[in-house]
Amino acid sequence: MSNYAPDRWVVLEVFNGKETVNKVFAGWYGGYLDGDSWRMNSGNVKEEELDDRWVFTGASGSKYVCYKERYGMTAYMDSVLAEFKVKLPEGSLVILENYSV
């Protein structure tokens, strides 16, 4: 079980052909020697809202601590998501907006 605190994040609603699953799509800014990175969780099984953050527990047990003011995507995350959308049927991947500040 791992814990993550992304620099930027959004929640995606993903339809896999059978069911709709909410997933955290998280990104981190890279430094001088390494580039930006991203992760997507296995699907939210628990969502806990606190004053300044959300804590999402995925099906694998990983936790994403997502600060509300960091809601959104980096340019890199946007390009990765665009590639996903090309490969999936239209409408099967939606960014949910109700997690922002």
C-alpha atoms as a PDB file:
ATOM      1  CA  MET A   1       0.000   0.000   0.000  1.00  0.00           C
ATOM      2  CA  SER A   2       1.457   3.356  -1.088  1.00  0.00           C
ATOM      3  CA  ASN A   3       0.591   6.971  -0.346  1.00  0.00           C
ATOM      4  CA  TYR A   4       0.820   9.713  -2.947  1.00  0.00           C
ATOM      5  CA  ALA A   5       0.469  13.509  -2.789  1.00  0.00           C
ATOM      6  CA  PRO A   6       0.351  14.821  -6.367  1.00  0.00           C
ATOM      7  CA  ASP A   7       1.234  18.328  -7.536  1.00  0.00           C
ATOM      8  CA  ARG A   8      -1.851  18.337  -9.787  1.00  0.00           C
ATOM      9  CA  TRP A   9      -4.808  15.966 -10.023  1.00  0.00           C
ATOM     10  CA  VAL A  10      -8.270  15.382 -11.465  1.00  0.00           C
ATOM     11  CA  VAL A  11     -10.876  12.671 -11.064  1.00  0.00           C
ATOM     12  CA  LEU A  12     -11.823  10.801 -14.214  1.00  0.00           C
ATOM     13  CA  GLU A  13     -15.049   8.929 -14.790  1.00  0.00           C
ATOM     14  CA  VAL A  14     -14.112   5.949 -16.933  1.00  0.00           C
ATOM     15  CA  PHE A  15     -16.613   3.607 -18.590  1.00  0.00           C
ATOM     16  CA  ASN A  16     -14.920   0.283 -19.332  1.00  0.00           C
ATOM     17  CA  GLY A  17     -17.773  -1.267 -21.295  1.00  0.00           C
ATOM     18  CA  LYS A  18     -19.429  -2.828 -18.242  1.00  0.00           C
ATOM     19  CA  GLU A  19     -19.313  -0.273 -15.441  1.00  0.00           C
ATOM     20  CA  THR A  20     -18.316   3.294 -14.669  1.00  0.00           C
ATOM     21  CA  VAL A  21     -15.352   3.768 -12.337  1.00  0.00           C
ATOM     22  CA  ASN A  22     -13.936   6.975 -10.846  1.00  0.00           C
ATOM     23  CA  LYS A  23     -10.141   7.143 -10.933  1.00  0.00           C
ATOM     24  CA  VAL A  24      -7.586   9.669  -9.702  1.00  0.00           C
ATOM     25  CA  PHE A  25      -5.331  10.903 -12.507  1.00  0.00           C
ATOM     26  CA  ALA A  26      -2.346  12.490 -10.761  1.00  0.00           C
ATOM     27  CA  GLY A  27       0.709  14.391 -11.936  1.00  0.00           C
ATOM     28  CA  TRP A  28       4.014  15.579 -10.542  1.00  0.00           C
ATOM     29  CA  TYR A  29       6.310  18.285 -11.868  1.00  0.00           C
ATOM     30  CA  GLY A  30       9.783  17.108 -12.783  1.00  0.00           C
ATOM     31  CA  GLY A  31      13.046  18.761 -11.898  1.00  0.00           C
ATOM     32  CA  TYR A  32      16.085  19.679 -13.908  1.00  0.00           C
ATOM     33  CA  LEU A  33      17.235  16.093 -14.394  1.00  0.00           C
ATOM     34  CA  ASP A  34      13.891  14.321 -14.641  1.00  0.00           C
ATOM     35  CA  GLY A  35      10.662  15.049 -16.482  1.00  0.00           C
ATOM     36  CA  ASP A  36       7.077  15.338 -15.347  1.00  0.00           C
ATOM     37  CA  SER A  37       5.335  12.123 -14.355  1.00  0.00           C
ATOM     38  CA  TRP A  38       1.810  10.805 -13.884  1.00  0.00           C
ATOM     39  CA  ARG A  39      -0.101   7.947 -12.272  1.00  0.00           C
ATOM     40  CA  MET A  40      -3.674   6.725 -12.381  1.00  0.00           C
ATOM     41  CA  ASN A  41      -5.116   4.786  -9.493  1.00  0.00           C
ATOM     42  CA  SER A  42      -6.929   1.464  -9.734  1.00  0.00           C
ATOM     43  CA  GLY A  43     -10.356   2.984  -9.101  1.00  0.00           C
ATOM     44  CA  ASN A  44     -11.737   4.792  -6.075  1.00  0.00           C
ATOM     45  CA  VAL A  45     -13.309   2.586  -3.428  1.00  0.00           C
ATOM     46  CA  LYS A  46     -13.389   5.336  -0.788  1.00  0.00           C
ATOM     47  CA  GLU A  47     -13.493   9.129  -1.102  1.00  0.00           C
ATOM     48  CA  GLU A  48     -13.069  11.257   2.018  1.00  0.00           C
ATOM     49  CA  GLU A  49     -13.434  15.041   1.877  1.00  0.00           C
ATOM     50  CA  LEU A  50     -11.551  17.127   4.439  1.00  0.00           C
ATOM     51  CA  ASP A  51     -11.372  20.927   4.701  1.00  0.00           C
ATOM     52  CA  ASP A  52      -8.467  21.441   2.307  1.00  0.00           C
ATOM     53  CA  ARG A  53      -8.063  18.072   0.614  1.00  0.00           C
ATOM     54  CA  TRP A  54      -9.590  14.843  -0.611  1.00  0.00           C
ATOM     55  CA  VAL A  55      -8.230  11.432   0.368  1.00  0.00           C
ATOM     56  CA  PHE A  56      -8.949   8.767  -2.227  1.00  0.00           C
ATOM     57  CA  THR A  57      -8.377   5.079  -1.493  1.00  0.00           C
ATOM     58  CA  GLY A  58      -7.970   2.909  -4.551  1.00  0.00           C
ATOM     59  CA  ALA A  59      -8.948  -0.717  -5.069  1.00  0.00           C
ATOM     60  CA  SER A  60      -5.283  -1.683  -4.611  1.00  0.00           C
ATOM     61  CA  GLY A  61      -5.165   0.044  -1.205  1.00  0.00           C
ATOM     62  CA  SER A  62      -3.090   3.016  -2.350  1.00  0.00           C
ATOM     63  CA  LYS A  63      -4.073   6.423  -0.986  1.00  0.00           C
ATOM     64  CA  TYR A  64      -3.940   9.699  -2.880  1.00  0.00           C
ATOM     65  CA  VAL A  65      -3.943  12.825  -0.712  1.00  0.00           C
ATOM     66  CA  CYS A  66      -5.152  15.506  -3.125  1.00  0.00           C
ATOM     67  CA  TYR A  67      -5.173  19.146  -2.026  1.00  0.00           C
ATOM     68  CA  LYS A  68      -8.153  21.044  -3.385  1.00  0.00           C
ATOM     69  CA  GLU A  69      -6.129  24.053  -4.576  1.00  0.00           C
ATOM     70  CA  ARG A  70      -4.036  21.717  -6.749  1.00  0.00           C
ATOM     71  CA  TYR A  71      -7.029  20.452  -8.759  1.00  0.00           C
ATOM     72  CA  GLY A  72      -6.233  20.551 -12.474  1.00  0.00           C
ATOM     73  CA  MET A  73      -3.762  19.152 -14.963  1.00  0.00           C
ATOM     74  CA  THR A  74      -0.259  19.910 -16.126  1.00  0.00           C
ATOM     75  CA  ALA A  75       0.403  20.250 -19.856  1.00  0.00           C
ATOM     76  CA  TYR A  76       2.010  16.808 -19.747  1.00  0.00           C
ATOM     77  CA  MET A  77      -1.049  15.264 -18.095  1.00  0.00           C
ATOM     78  CA  ASP A  78      -3.249  16.898 -20.733  1.00  0.00           C
ATOM     79  CA  SER A  79      -1.202  15.325 -23.530  1.00  0.00           C
ATOM     80  CA  VAL A  80      -1.343  11.876 -21.877  1.00  0.00           C
ATOM     81  CA  LEU A  81      -5.115  12.187 -21.446  1.00  0.00           C
ATOM     82  CA  ALA A  82      -5.494  13.209 -25.102  1.00  0.00           C
ATOM     83  CA  GLU A  83      -3.736   9.968 -26.105  1.00  0.00           C
ATOM     84  CA  PHE A  84      -6.118   7.950 -23.910  1.00  0.00           C
ATOM     85  CA  LYS A  85      -9.143   9.640 -25.482  1.00  0.00           C
ATOM     86  CA  VAL A  86      -7.993   8.720 -28.999  1.00  0.00           C
ATOM     87  CA  LYS A  87      -7.842   5.036 -28.031  1.00  0.00           C
ATOM     88  CA  LEU A  88     -11.187   4.894 -26.184  1.00  0.00           C
ATOM     89  CA  PRO A  89     -14.756   5.159 -27.479  1.00  0.00           C
ATOM     90  CA  GLU A  90     -16.101   8.715 -27.408  1.00  0.00           C
ATOM     91  CA  GLY A  91     -17.645   9.651 -24.075  1.00  0.00           C
ATOM     92  CA  SER A  92     -16.057   6.798 -22.117  1.00  0.00           C
ATOM     93  CA  LEU A  93     -13.611   9.158 -20.335  1.00  0.00           C
ATOM     94  CA  VAL A  94     -14.857  12.312 -18.605  1.00  0.00           C
ATOM     95  CA  ILE A  95     -13.093  14.747 -16.270  1.00  0.00           C
ATOM     96  CA  LEU A  96     -15.254  15.392 -13.201  1.00  0.00           C
ATOM     97  CA  GLU A  97     -15.293  19.003 -12.021  1.00  0.00           C
ATOM     98  CA  ASN A  98     -17.045  18.655  -8.643  1.00  0.00           C
ATOM     99  CA  TYR A  99     -13.811  18.059  -6.683  1.00  0.00           C
ATOM    100  CA  SER A 100     -12.374  21.549  -7.146  1.00  0.00           C
ATOM    101  CA  VAL A 101     -12.256  24.232  -4.451  1.00  0.00           C
END
